[in-house]
């Protein structure tokens, strides 16, 4: 899954072209997409579908990584001096 040119597990450089607030919003959009995309598989997994359960576990790992990326972006934004 790619958002704003980032591959899975890759953290954006806060000193790149995009603004820090835009980067944070991109991370939030990525988190929303992961959750929304997993909805059908979550329902199938709740019904006992093992393959769907595997896809949900993968999506939850992606969610964890995306949340960590967003956390790093927020901490980075906090450390930057305001203009």
Protein backbone atom coordinates (compact mmCIF):
# COMPACT_ATOMS: atom_id res chain seq x y z
CA UNK A 1 0.00 0.00 0.00
CA UNK A 2 1.39 3.42 -0.91
CA UNK A 3 0.41 6.83 0.34
CA UNK A 4 2.15 10.04 -0.66
CA UNK A 5 4.96 8.08 -2.29
CA UNK A 6 5.78 6.06 0.81
CA UNK A 7 6.07 2.31 0.83
CA UNK A 8 5.16 0.12 3.76
CA UNK A 9 7.38 0.78 6.77
CA UNK A 10 8.93 3.90 5.28
CA UNK A 11 8.78 7.13 7.28
CA UNK A 12 8.55 10.42 5.42
CA UNK A 13 11.27 13.01 5.79
CA UNK A 14 9.73 16.06 7.48
CA UNK A 15 12.26 18.30 5.71
CA UNK A 16 11.07 17.27 2.24
CA UNK A 17 8.86 19.37 -0.06
CA UNK A 18 5.51 18.66 1.64
CA UNK A 19 4.39 20.50 4.72
CA UNK A 20 4.41 18.67 8.02
CA UNK A 21 0.67 19.11 8.52
CA UNK A 22 0.02 17.65 5.06
CA UNK A 23 2.23 14.69 5.92
CA UNK A 24 0.28 14.06 9.13
CA UNK A 25 -3.02 14.22 7.21
CA UNK A 26 -1.63 11.76 4.66
CA UNK A 27 -0.78 9.34 7.47
CA UNK A 28 -4.30 9.74 8.86
CA UNK A 29 -5.79 9.03 5.42
CA UNK A 30 -3.63 5.91 5.18
CA UNK A 31 -4.93 4.69 8.55
CA UNK A 32 -8.54 5.32 7.50
CA UNK A 33 -7.99 3.43 4.23
CA UNK A 34 -6.52 0.41 6.00
CA UNK A 35 -9.47 0.25 8.41
CA UNK A 36 -12.08 0.77 5.67
CA UNK A 37 -10.46 -1.79 3.35
CA UNK A 38 -10.43 -4.42 6.11
CA UNK A 39 -14.15 -4.11 6.94
CA UNK A 40 -15.40 -6.90 4.66
CA UNK A 41 -12.63 -9.27 5.73
CA UNK A 42 -13.32 -8.54 9.41
CA UNK A 43 -16.96 -9.55 8.91
CA UNK A 44 -15.90 -12.70 7.05
CA UNK A 45 -13.34 -13.58 9.74
CA UNK A 46 -16.01 -13.14 12.42
CA UNK A 47 -18.03 -15.72 10.49
CA UNK A 48 -15.18 -18.22 10.62
CA UNK A 49 -13.42 -17.63 7.30
CA UNK A 50 -9.77 -18.48 8.01
CA UNK A 51 -8.36 -16.81 4.89
CA UNK A 52 -10.16 -13.60 5.78
CA UNK A 53 -8.69 -13.85 9.29
CA UNK A 54 -5.22 -13.97 7.78
CA UNK A 55 -5.97 -10.89 5.67
CA UNK A 56 -7.30 -9.08 8.76
CA UNK A 57 -4.15 -9.90 10.73
CA UNK A 58 -2.04 -8.55 7.86
CA UNK A 59 -4.18 -5.40 7.73
CA UNK A 60 -3.81 -4.93 11.48
CA UNK A 61 -0.02 -5.18 11.16
CA UNK A 62 -0.19 -2.54 8.40
CA UNK A 63 -2.37 -0.43 10.72
CA UNK A 64 0.17 -0.74 13.53
CA UNK A 65 2.96 0.37 11.19
CA UNK A 66 0.91 3.28 9.83
CA UNK A 67 0.11 4.42 13.36
CA UNK A 68 3.80 4.30 14.24
CA UNK A 69 4.64 6.36 11.13
CA UNK A 70 2.00 8.93 12.11
CA UNK A 71 3.34 9.04 15.65
CA UNK A 72 6.86 9.71 14.33
CA UNK A 73 5.55 12.44 12.02
CA UNK A 74 3.72 14.15 14.88
CA UNK A 75 6.79 14.00 17.12
CA UNK A 76 8.91 15.37 14.30
CA UNK A 77 6.46 18.23 13.74
CA UNK A 78 6.53 19.05 17.44
CA UNK A 79 10.33 19.28 17.40
CA UNK A 80 10.45 21.65 14.43
CA UNK A 81 10.64 25.37 15.24
CA UNK A 82 7.60 27.35 14.20
CA UNK A 83 8.17 30.08 11.60
